[in-house]
């Protein structure tokens, strides 16, 4: 290692000598990388290809002690810090320019206690890692719908997916967390230990420290669920959406159904003449008795005249990976998101108008339905703000060539603005891109003030600012 200058918290440069860097490396089980290392390019590359940042140093951590050493090094030198878990976040906050990146991706351990129905998960694990281990014992924790997502970022933002209506958000199943705070101390956060920190971690993002271990409550599930897709022509979308929202009014907690609107990919079960044409997809999952699921999904499956219906028994771990081929790394991505309390007629009109103007074959809009068990927890019980049964719209612009940036980003922003009058005002922070820093306070609603107070207690200098940032009370984001 050579002497080098790193970006600091004042947006200036701090000179760090080679001896100090080598001393840090000597305290680690992991390793320190700079741009001269062969592993540097892979370490700084994340899911969203729009993010092309170059940290001065990357600390690849092998365990909690490495995280402590990295945080203390950053805090002592007041360095700009980013934290990488799965590297899947749309905003790309895992990577900083010129500062210190703390890379947790080598920390992938998942340990299951089948008697207590608990799992201990390290922050570098993906949802696939968690599912494979827990499903080996017929157990599951509710997470998201893309298996390459990191468990850490998903959890800290809230976490919802196919079994949330039955078992709650990911954070509702978090029992405890080991956290390295901004002063480099390892603390336990739970309902009985550092309960204010535990409250903030459940939805407050990476603002309050680095979690080195998550303890989750597990639930009996699988190995099979009733799941799959029902594909409709976009010409029928208005009627399908109207009947969809009606069906969900009486849907049991075991049933989740999301909507995807996009150009049809060349799926083998779709007639070739539909490939590349606009479609509406009902994606559903029933996480109870399979025979009961056949009856419970019938109302949704009887809507309209679908092009294809491929709902059937599938391994849960496989269904969790069903959308992975549409979300592979290497593409350029930009998201905009709203919460809706109801899927109103005006909101439907906005959506259908946007689908008629899709700027590319990989662009899509999906509507997630959240409620059930997740909606029966008080809004102030965790930092996650939106506990009403609601719909989450994610406008997902996805493309390959930089020349299409303006068209694709513009389409997403236009849809977002058109939908705003029909939205709840809150938002899911995991879906917010890097240009929405002015939206964070509104996204948390009444919970923001308490979050800012806890931020002041645990991170007064705002060391952990590469996130959807909650500013310390009286502080500011540089």
Protein backbone atom coordinates (compact mmCIF):
# COMPACT_ATOMS: atom_id res chain seq x y z
CA UNK A 1 0.00 0.00 0.00
CA UNK A 2 1.11 3.56 -0.74
CA UNK A 3 0.25 6.83 0.98
CA UNK A 4 -3.07 8.10 -0.35
CA UNK A 5 -5.69 10.80 0.10
CA UNK A 6 -9.26 9.81 0.92
CA UNK A 7 -12.49 11.76 0.78
CA UNK A 8 -13.51 12.95 4.23
CA UNK A 9 -16.82 13.92 5.84
CA UNK A 10 -16.27 17.59 4.96
CA UNK A 11 -16.05 16.74 1.25
CA UNK A 12 -12.33 17.45 1.35
CA UNK A 13 -9.31 15.16 1.38
CA UNK A 14 -7.48 13.49 4.27
CA UNK A 15 -3.98 12.13 3.72
CA UNK A 16 -3.47 8.63 5.10
CA UNK A 17 0.02 7.20 5.31
CA UNK A 18 0.93 3.75 4.02
CA UNK A 19 1.90 2.63 7.52
CA UNK A 20 -1.58 3.40 8.87
CA UNK A 21 -3.21 1.49 6.01
CA UNK A 22 -0.89 -1.47 6.49
CA UNK A 23 -1.59 -1.42 10.23
CA UNK A 24 -5.32 -1.61 9.48
CA UNK A 25 -4.74 -4.53 7.10
CA UNK A 26 -2.71 -6.30 9.75
CA UNK A 27 -5.63 -6.22 12.19
CA UNK A 28 -8.03 -7.90 9.76
CA UNK A 29 -8.95 -11.47 8.91
CA UNK A 30 -10.22 -10.00 5.63
CA UNK A 31 -8.27 -7.73 3.33
CA UNK A 32 -7.81 -4.15 2.18
CA UNK A 33 -8.02 -3.40 -1.54
CA UNK A 34 -7.07 -0.37 -3.59
CA UNK A 35 -7.27 0.30 -7.33
CA UNK A 36 -4.03 -1.62 -7.95
CA UNK A 37 -5.50 -4.91 -6.72
CA UNK A 38 -6.90 -7.44 -9.19
CA UNK A 39 -10.02 -7.91 -7.05
CA UNK A 40 -10.79 -4.18 -6.85
CA UNK A 41 -12.99 -3.89 -9.97
CA UNK A 42 -15.24 -6.77 -9.00
CA UNK A 43 -15.51 -5.50 -5.42
CA UNK A 44 -16.70 -2.05 -6.50
CA UNK A 45 -19.17 -3.33 -9.12
CA UNK A 46 -22.77 -3.57 -7.98
CA UNK A 47 -26.14 -4.53 -9.46
CA UNK A 48 -27.08 -1.19 -10.99
CA UNK A 49 -24.72 -0.50 -13.89
CA UNK A 50 -25.48 3.23 -13.71
CA UNK A 51 -23.34 3.37 -10.56
CA UNK A 52 -19.66 3.72 -11.46
CA UNK A 53 -17.86 4.95 -8.34
CA UNK A 54 -14.30 4.33 -7.24
CA UNK A 55 -13.57 4.05 -3.50
CA UNK A 56 -10.00 4.85 -2.51
CA UNK A 57 -9.96 1.82 -0.21
CA UNK A 58 -12.19 -1.24 0.17
CA UNK A 59 -12.13 -3.25 3.39
CA UNK A 60 -13.49 -6.73 2.74
CA UNK A 61 -14.62 -7.99 6.14
CA UNK A 62 -14.48 -11.60 7.31
CA UNK A 63 -16.29 -10.98 10.61
CA UNK A 64 -17.50 -8.50 13.20
CA UNK A 65 -13.98 -7.69 14.41
CA UNK A 66 -13.05 -6.57 10.89
CA UNK A 67 -16.11 -4.31 10.78
CA UNK A 68 -15.13 -2.79 14.13
CA UNK A 69 -11.61 -2.08 12.91
CA UNK A 70 -12.85 -0.55 9.66
CA UNK A 71 -15.38 1.69 11.41
CA UNK A 72 -12.83 2.89 13.95
CA UNK A 73 -10.37 3.66 11.16
CA UNK A 74 -13.03 5.65 9.32
CA UNK A 75 -14.27 7.43 12.44
CA UNK A 76 -10.80 8.36 13.70
CA UNK A 77 -9.93 9.85 10.32
CA UNK A 78 -13.44 11.24 9.64
CA UNK A 79 -13.57 9.48 6.27
CA UNK A 80 -16.49 9.22 3.88
CA UNK A 81 -17.88 5.69 4.33
CA UNK A 82 -20.13 3.42 2.32
CA UNK A 83 -21.31 -0.04 3.36
CA UNK A 84 -21.92 -2.89 0.95
CA UNK A 85 -24.10 -5.86 1.78
CA UNK A 86 -25.65 -7.40 -1.33
CA UNK A 87 -24.94 -4.36 -3.51
CA UNK A 88 -28.47 -4.47 -4.91
CA UNK A 89 -29.81 -1.11 -3.72
CA UNK A 90 -31.12 1.04 -6.56
CA UNK A 91 -29.41 4.19 -5.28
CA UNK A 92 -25.99 2.54 -5.32
CA UNK A 93 -25.14 3.71 -1.82
CA UNK A 94 -22.93 0.65 -1.32
CA UNK A 95 -20.13 2.43 -3.20
CA UNK A 96 -18.60 5.84 -2.49
CA UNK A 97 -16.24 7.93 -4.60
CA UNK A 98 -12.83 8.43 -3.07
CA UNK A 99 -13.70 7.24 0.42
CA UNK A 100 -13.68 3.98 2.36
CA UNK A 101 -16.04 1.17 1.32
CA UNK A 102 -16.77 -1.44 3.98
CA UNK A 103 -17.62 -4.62 2.10
CA UNK A 104 -19.66 -7.17 4.02
CA UNK A 105 -20.24 -9.51 1.08
CA UNK A 106 -17.77 -12.19 2.33
CA UNK A 107 -19.89 -12.57 5.50
CA UNK A 108 -22.52 -15.05 4.26
CA UNK A 109 -23.12 -17.44 7.15
CA UNK A 110 -26.69 -18.62 7.82
CA UNK A 111 -27.28 -20.79 10.89
CA UNK A 112 -30.65 -22.32 11.74
CA UNK A 113 -31.86 -23.57 15.13
CA UNK A 114 -34.71 -25.87 14.16
CA UNK A 115 -35.94 -26.29 17.74
CA UNK A 116 -36.20 -22.58 18.52
CA UNK A 117 -37.10 -21.80 14.89
CA UNK A 118 -34.48 -19.08 14.73
CA UNK A 119 -31.90 -18.15 12.12
CA UNK A 120 -28.71 -16.18 12.62
CA UNK A 121 -27.70 -14.48 9.38
CA UNK A 122 -24.61 -12.49 8.47
CA UNK A 123 -25.03 -9.27 6.44
CA UNK A 124 -23.39 -10.48 3.23
CA UNK A 125 -25.97 -13.21 2.72
CA UNK A 126 -28.45 -12.93 -0.13
CA UNK A 127 -32.09 -13.93 0.04
CA UNK A 128 -31.15 -17.10 -1.86
CA UNK A 129 -28.60 -17.97 0.83
CA UNK A 130 -31.24 -17.54 3.52
CA UNK A 131 -33.94 -19.46 1.63
CA UNK A 132 -31.70 -22.41 0.80
CA UNK A 133 -30.67 -22.87 4.41
CA UNK A 134 -34.04 -22.31 6.06
CA UNK A 135 -36.05 -24.29 3.51
CA UNK A 136 -33.79 -27.28 4.10
CA UNK A 137 -35.66 -27.52 7.42
CA UNK A 138 -39.12 -26.52 6.14
CA UNK A 139 -38.76 -23.04 7.64
CA UNK A 140 -38.81 -19.52 6.22
CA UNK A 141 -38.52 -15.85 7.08
CA UNK A 142 -40.48 -13.37 4.94
CA UNK A 143 -38.16 -11.45 2.62
CA UNK A 144 -38.35 -9.98 -0.89
CA UNK A 145 -38.93 -11.37 -4.38
CA UNK A 146 -35.48 -11.26 -5.99
CA UNK A 147 -33.11 -13.85 -4.59
CA UNK A 148 -29.91 -11.92 -5.39
CA UNK A 149 -30.97 -9.09 -3.05
CA UNK A 150 -28.89 -8.76 0.11
CA UNK A 151 -30.62 -9.62 3.37
CA UNK A 152 -29.07 -6.64 5.20
CA UNK A 153 -30.37 -3.78 3.08
CA UNK A 154 -33.73 -5.44 2.55
CA UNK A 155 -34.23 -5.94 6.28
CA UNK A 156 -33.10 -2.50 7.38
CA UNK A 157 -35.53 -0.88 4.95
CA UNK A 158 -38.48 -3.05 6.02
CA UNK A 159 -38.64 -6.03 3.70
CA UNK A 160 -41.80 -7.37 2.05
CA UNK A 161 -42.59 -10.11 -0.41
CA UNK A 162 -44.69 -13.19 -1.12
CA UNK A 163 -45.37 -14.27 2.47
CA UNK A 164 -45.51 -10.87 4.20
CA UNK A 165 -49.29 -10.88 4.46
CA UNK A 166 -49.13 -14.13 6.42
CA UNK A 167 -46.00 -13.59 8.52
CA UNK A 168 -45.33 -9.83 8.52
CA UNK A 169 -42.51 -7.72 7.18
CA UNK A 170 -38.94 -8.95 7.45
CA UNK A 171 -38.40 -6.50 10.32
CA UNK A 172 -41.44 -7.93 12.14
CA UNK A 173 -39.52 -11.19 12.35
CA UNK A 174 -36.26 -9.62 13.51
CA UNK A 175 -35.57 -10.74 17.10
CA UNK A 176 -32.21 -9.07 17.62
CA UNK A 177 -29.24 -7.60 15.80
CA UNK A 178 -25.54 -7.22 16.56
CA UNK A 179 -24.57 -3.69 15.53
CA UNK A 180 -21.25 -1.89 15.18
CA UNK A 181 -22.03 1.72 16.03
CA UNK A 182 -20.27 4.81 14.67
CA UNK A 183 -17.77 4.84 17.56
CA UNK A 184 -16.69 1.28 16.74
CA UNK A 185 -18.50 -0.51 19.58
CA UNK A 186 -20.40 -3.78 19.11
CA UNK A 187 -23.81 -3.71 20.81
CA UNK A 188 -26.86 -5.96 20.84
CA UNK A 189 -30.20 -4.43 19.87
CA UNK A 190 -33.50 -6.11 20.77
CA UNK A 191 -36.75 -5.35 22.55
CA UNK A 192 -34.89 -5.50 25.87
CA UNK A 193 -31.41 -4.26 24.92
CA UNK A 194 -30.86 -0.85 23.30
CA UNK A 195 -34.54 -0.87 22.42
CA UNK A 196 -34.41 2.59 20.84
CA UNK A 197 -31.74 1.39 18.42
CA UNK A 198 -33.78 -1.75 17.72
CA UNK A 199 -36.79 0.41 16.91
CA UNK A 200 -34.74 2.51 14.47
CA UNK A 201 -33.11 -0.46 12.74
CA UNK A 202 -36.53 -1.82 11.80
CA UNK A 203 -37.10 0.38 8.76
CA UNK A 204 -34.60 3.18 9.36
CA UNK A 205 -32.04 1.86 6.90
CA UNK A 206 -28.29 1.87 7.43
CA UNK A 207 -28.28 5.14 9.36
CA UNK A 208 -27.46 3.85 12.82
CA UNK A 209 -24.63 1.38 12.46
CA UNK A 210 -23.50 -1.74 10.64
CA UNK A 211 -25.38 -4.93 11.49
CA UNK A 212 -23.00 -7.87 11.68
CA UNK A 213 -25.64 -10.49 12.58
CA UNK A 214 -29.42 -10.67 12.28
CA UNK A 215 -31.50 -13.03 14.44
CA UNK A 216 -34.81 -13.92 12.79
CA UNK A 217 -37.89 -15.79 13.93
CA UNK A 218 -38.73 -18.54 11.42
CA UNK A 219 -42.06 -20.02 10.38
CA UNK A 220 -43.13 -23.43 9.10
CA UNK A 221 -43.49 -23.25 5.33
CA UNK A 222 -43.18 -25.47 2.32
CA UNK A 223 -41.31 -27.00 0.82
CA UNK A 224 -44.05 -26.24 -1.75
CA UNK A 225 -46.38 -23.29 -2.20
CA UNK A 226 -49.09 -22.68 -4.78
CA UNK A 227 -47.66 -19.98 -7.01
CA UNK A 228 -47.31 -18.75 -10.56
CA UNK A 229 -48.41 -16.29 -13.20
CA UNK A 230 -51.64 -15.46 -14.97
CA UNK A 231 -50.96 -13.38 -18.08
CA UNK A 232 -53.53 -11.02 -19.65
CA UNK A 233 -53.49 -8.80 -22.76
CA UNK A 234 -52.90 -5.17 -21.84
CA UNK A 235 -56.10 -4.32 -23.70
CA UNK A 236 -58.00 -5.97 -20.83
CA UNK A 237 -55.93 -4.28 -18.12
CA UNK A 238 -58.54 -1.83 -16.83
CA UNK A 239 -61.14 -4.52 -16.22
CA UNK A 240 -58.54 -6.90 -14.78
CA UNK A 241 -57.26 -4.28 -12.32
CA UNK A 242 -60.78 -3.39 -11.21
CA UNK A 243 -61.58 -7.03 -10.47
CA UNK A 244 -58.14 -7.57 -8.95
CA UNK A 245 -58.63 -4.88 -6.31
CA UNK A 246 -62.10 -6.23 -5.52
CA UNK A 247 -60.76 -9.76 -5.05
CA UNK A 248 -58.08 -8.55 -2.65
CA UNK A 249 -60.65 -6.96 -0.32
CA UNK A 250 -61.54 -10.40 1.00
CA UNK A 251 -58.26 -12.23 0.34
CA UNK A 252 -56.97 -14.28 3.30
CA UNK A 253 -53.51 -13.58 4.67
CA UNK A 254 -52.10 -16.68 2.96
CA UNK A 255 -52.77 -15.15 -0.47
CA UNK A 256 -50.58 -12.50 -2.07
CA UNK A 257 -51.02 -11.25 -5.63
CA UNK A 258 -48.89 -8.62 -7.34
CA UNK A 259 -49.35 -6.99 -10.73
CA UNK A 260 -46.62 -6.60 -13.35
CA UNK A 261 -47.17 -4.57 -16.55
CA UNK A 262 -44.52 -4.71 -19.26
CA UNK A 263 -43.69 -6.15 -22.66
CA UNK A 264 -43.85 -9.93 -22.47
CA UNK A 265 -40.44 -11.61 -22.35
CA UNK A 266 -40.01 -14.78 -24.44
CA UNK A 267 -41.31 -17.11 -21.76
CA UNK A 268 -41.77 -20.71 -22.95
CA UNK A 269 -45.41 -20.92 -21.83
CA UNK A 270 -46.46 -17.84 -23.81
CA UNK A 271 -47.45 -18.17 -27.47
CA UNK A 272 -44.73 -16.67 -29.62
CA UNK A 273 -47.04 -14.03 -31.06
CA UNK A 274 -47.24 -12.45 -27.60
CA UNK A 275 -43.48 -12.09 -27.15
CA UNK A 276 -42.64 -8.38 -26.99
CA UNK A 277 -46.26 -7.27 -26.66
CA UNK A 278 -47.61 -5.38 -23.65
CA UNK A 279 -49.20 -7.62 -21.03
CA UNK A 280 -50.54 -7.49 -17.51
CA UNK A 281 -49.38 -10.31 -15.25
CA UNK A 282 -51.00 -11.39 -12.00
CA UNK A 283 -48.21 -13.01 -9.97
CA UNK A 284 -49.60 -14.88 -6.98
CA UNK A 285 -48.48 -17.01 -4.08
CA UNK A 286 -50.53 -19.01 -1.60
CA UNK A 287 -48.56 -20.09 1.46
CA UNK A 288 -51.10 -22.41 3.10
CA UNK A 289 -52.62 -25.81 2.38
CA UNK A 290 -52.37 -26.46 -1.36
CA UNK A 291 -55.94 -27.71 -1.79
CA UNK A 292 -57.27 -24.67 0.04
CA UNK A 293 -55.08 -22.53 -2.20
CA UNK A 294 -56.73 -23.89 -5.33
CA UNK A 295 -60.05 -22.55 -4.03
CA UNK A 296 -58.64 -19.29 -2.66
CA UNK A 297 -56.91 -18.34 -5.92
CA UNK A 298 -59.90 -19.18 -8.10
CA UNK A 299 -61.44 -15.72 -8.00
CA UNK A 300 -58.23 -14.09 -9.23
CA UNK A 301 -57.62 -16.81 -11.82
CA UNK A 302 -61.16 -16.51 -13.22
CA UNK A 303 -60.74 -12.84 -14.12
CA UNK A 304 -61.07 -12.16 -17.85
CA UNK A 305 -59.65 -14.38 -20.58
CA UNK A 306 -55.94 -14.88 -19.82
CA UNK A 307 -53.33 -15.75 -22.40
CA UNK A 308 -51.74 -18.20 -19.97
CA UNK A 309 -52.23 -19.54 -16.44
CA UNK A 310 -49.24 -21.35 -14.96
CA UNK A 311 -50.24 -21.32 -11.31
CA UNK A 312 -49.40 -24.58 -9.56
CA UNK A 313 -47.35 -26.18 -6.80
CA UNK A 314 -43.71 -24.98 -6.80
CA UNK A 315 -40.86 -25.25 -4.32
CA UNK A 316 -40.89 -22.03 -2.31
CA UNK A 317 -37.16 -21.46 -2.76
CA UNK A 318 -37.65 -21.79 -6.54
CA UNK A 319 -40.58 -19.36 -6.60
CA UNK A 320 -38.41 -16.86 -4.72
CA UNK A 321 -36.10 -16.92 -7.75
CA UNK A 322 -38.80 -16.74 -10.43
CA UNK A 323 -38.12 -13.10 -11.32
CA UNK A 324 -34.31 -13.33 -11.15
CA UNK A 325 -33.85 -13.68 -14.93
CA UNK A 326 -35.52 -10.28 -15.42
CA UNK A 327 -33.30 -8.60 -12.81
CA UNK A 328 -29.79 -9.79 -13.61
CA UNK A 329 -26.82 -7.47 -12.92
CA UNK A 330 -25.29 -5.33 -15.63
CA UNK A 331 -28.25 -3.25 -16.82
CA UNK A 332 -28.90 0.42 -16.15
CA UNK A 333 -31.77 0.87 -13.70
CA UNK A 334 -33.81 3.75 -12.31
CA UNK A 335 -36.81 3.44 -10.00
CA UNK A 336 -39.60 5.70 -8.78
CA UNK A 337 -42.11 4.57 -6.19
CA UNK A 338 -45.34 5.55 -4.46
CA UNK A 339 -47.52 4.03 -1.77
CA UNK A 340 -51.27 3.93 -2.49
CA UNK A 341 -53.87 3.29 0.18
CA UNK A 342 -56.25 2.23 -2.59
CA UNK A 343 -55.78 1.42 -6.26
CA UNK A 344 -58.20 4.11 -7.42
CA UNK A 345 -59.68 4.56 -10.89
CA UNK A 346 -57.57 7.71 -11.52
CA UNK A 347 -54.43 5.85 -10.45
CA UNK A 348 -55.27 3.02 -12.85
CA UNK A 349 -55.67 5.54 -15.68
CA UNK A 350 -52.22 6.96 -14.95
CA UNK A 351 -50.69 3.49 -15.00
CA UNK A 352 -52.31 2.46 -18.26
CA UNK A 353 -51.26 5.70 -19.93
CA UNK A 354 -47.65 5.02 -18.91
CA UNK A 355 -47.67 1.43 -20.13
CA UNK A 356 -48.75 2.70 -23.54
CA UNK A 357 -45.49 4.70 -23.58
CA UNK A 358 -42.96 2.11 -22.41
CA UNK A 359 -39.50 3.33 -23.51
CA UNK A 360 -37.94 -0.13 -23.75
CA UNK A 361 -38.56 -3.88 -23.57
CA UNK A 362 -37.21 -4.24 -20.01
CA UNK A 363 -39.12 -1.34 -18.48
CA UNK A 364 -42.05 -2.25 -16.26
CA UNK A 365 -44.41 -1.17 -13.52
CA UNK A 366 -45.26 -3.50 -10.68
CA UNK A 367 -47.85 -3.14 -7.97
CA UNK A 368 -47.27 -4.97 -4.69
CA UNK A 369 -50.07 -5.56 -2.23
CA UNK A 370 -49.03 -5.28 1.42
CA UNK A 371 -51.27 -5.84 4.41
CA UNK A 372 -52.49 -8.79 6.42
CA UNK A 373 -50.17 -9.45 9.35
CA UNK A 374 -47.92 -6.55 8.36
CA UNK A 375 -50.89 -4.19 8.57
CA UNK A 376 -51.87 -5.20 12.09
CA UNK A 377 -48.86 -3.57 13.74
CA UNK A 378 -49.06 0.03 14.96
CA UNK A 379 -47.40 2.65 12.74
CA UNK A 380 -45.17 3.76 15.60
CA UNK A 381 -44.10 0.28 16.71
CA UNK A 382 -41.18 0.28 14.25
CA UNK A 383 -39.49 2.92 12.12
CA UNK A 384 -41.25 1.53 9.02
CA UNK A 385 -44.08 4.05 8.62
CA UNK A 386 -46.79 2.63 6.39
CA UNK A 387 -48.77 -0.06 8.17
CA UNK A 388 -52.13 0.36 6.47
CA UNK A 389 -53.08 -2.31 3.97
CA UNK A 390 -51.75 -0.66 0.85
CA UNK A 391 -50.29 -0.98 -2.61
CA UNK A 392 -46.68 -0.17 -3.45
CA UNK A 393 -46.05 1.00 -6.99
CA UNK A 394 -42.52 0.61 -8.30
CA UNK A 395 -41.76 2.15 -11.68
CA UNK A 396 -38.78 0.20 -12.91
CA UNK A 397 -36.96 1.73 -15.85
CA UNK A 398 -34.32 -0.71 -17.11
CA UNK A 399 -32.17 -0.45 -20.21
CA UNK A 400 -28.70 -1.18 -21.58
CA UNK A 401 -27.32 1.83 -23.46
CA UNK A 402 -26.36 5.14 -21.82
CA UNK A 403 -27.86 6.93 -24.83
CA UNK A 404 -31.29 5.90 -23.52
CA UNK A 405 -30.80 7.42 -20.06
CA UNK A 406 -32.87 10.52 -20.71
CA UNK A 407 -35.80 8.70 -22.28
CA UNK A 408 -36.04 5.97 -19.65
CA UNK A 409 -35.47 8.16 -16.61
CA UNK A 410 -37.85 10.75 -18.02
CA UNK A 411 -40.57 8.14 -18.47
CA UNK A 412 -40.23 6.99 -14.85
CA UNK A 413 -40.30 10.54 -13.52
CA UNK A 414 -43.31 11.47 -15.61
CA UNK A 415 -45.29 8.51 -14.30
CA UNK A 416 -44.22 9.29 -10.75
CA UNK A 417 -45.44 12.89 -11.00
CA UNK A 418 -48.73 11.88 -12.62
CA UNK A 419 -49.40 9.34 -9.86
CA UNK A 420 -48.47 11.65 -6.99
CA UNK A 421 -51.98 13.11 -6.42
CA UNK A 422 -53.31 9.60 -5.82
CA UNK A 423 -50.55 8.46 -3.44
CA UNK A 424 -50.31 8.22 0.35
CA UNK A 425 -47.21 10.43 0.65
CA UNK A 426 -45.09 7.74 2.29
CA UNK A 427 -42.59 5.62 0.41
CA UNK A 428 -40.52 2.46 0.72
CA UNK A 429 -36.96 3.68 1.16
CA UNK A 430 -35.46 0.60 -0.51
CA UNK A 431 -37.13 1.69 -3.75
CA UNK A 432 -35.92 5.31 -3.65
CA UNK A 433 -33.14 6.34 -6.08
CA UNK A 434 -30.20 8.53 -5.10
CA UNK A 435 -31.86 11.75 -6.31
CA UNK A 436 -34.66 11.57 -3.72
CA UNK A 437 -32.78 12.77 -0.64
CA UNK A 438 -35.35 15.55 -0.23
CA UNK A 439 -38.09 12.94 0.15
CA UNK A 440 -36.71 11.03 3.14
CA UNK A 441 -38.44 13.01 5.88
CA UNK A 442 -41.84 12.74 4.19
CA UNK A 443 -41.29 9.04 3.57
CA UNK A 444 -41.04 8.40 7.30
CA UNK A 445 -43.89 10.71 8.26
CA UNK A 446 -44.45 10.95 12.01
CA UNK A 447 -41.55 8.56 12.70
CA UNK A 448 -38.87 10.88 11.30
CA UNK A 449 -38.45 13.06 14.42
CA UNK A 450 -37.69 10.06 16.61
CA UNK A 451 -35.31 8.65 14.00
CA UNK A 452 -33.37 11.94 13.94
CA UNK A 453 -33.07 11.88 17.74
CA UNK A 454 -31.75 8.32 17.73
CA UNK A 455 -29.37 9.24 14.92
CA UNK A 456 -27.98 12.02 17.09
CA UNK A 457 -27.44 9.55 19.91
CA UNK A 458 -25.70 6.85 17.89
CA UNK A 459 -24.09 8.75 14.99
CA UNK A 460 -23.84 12.49 15.75
CA UNK A 461 -21.21 13.15 13.07
CA UNK A 462 -23.32 11.34 10.44
CA UNK A 463 -20.59 8.87 9.60
CA UNK A 464 -23.22 6.56 8.09
CA UNK A 465 -24.62 8.93 5.49
CA UNK A 466 -24.39 6.88 2.30
CA UNK A 467 -28.05 5.84 2.55
CA UNK A 468 -31.47 7.45 2.46
CA UNK A 469 -30.07 9.68 5.12
CA UNK A 470 -31.68 10.64 8.40
CA UNK A 471 -29.79 13.70 9.64
CA UNK A 472 -28.85 13.92 13.33
CA UNK A 473 -30.90 16.47 15.26
CA UNK A 474 -29.29 19.81 14.48
CA UNK A 475 -26.98 18.15 11.97
CA UNK A 476 -26.69 18.29 8.22
CA UNK A 477 -25.65 16.00 5.40
CA UNK A 478 -22.43 17.05 3.70
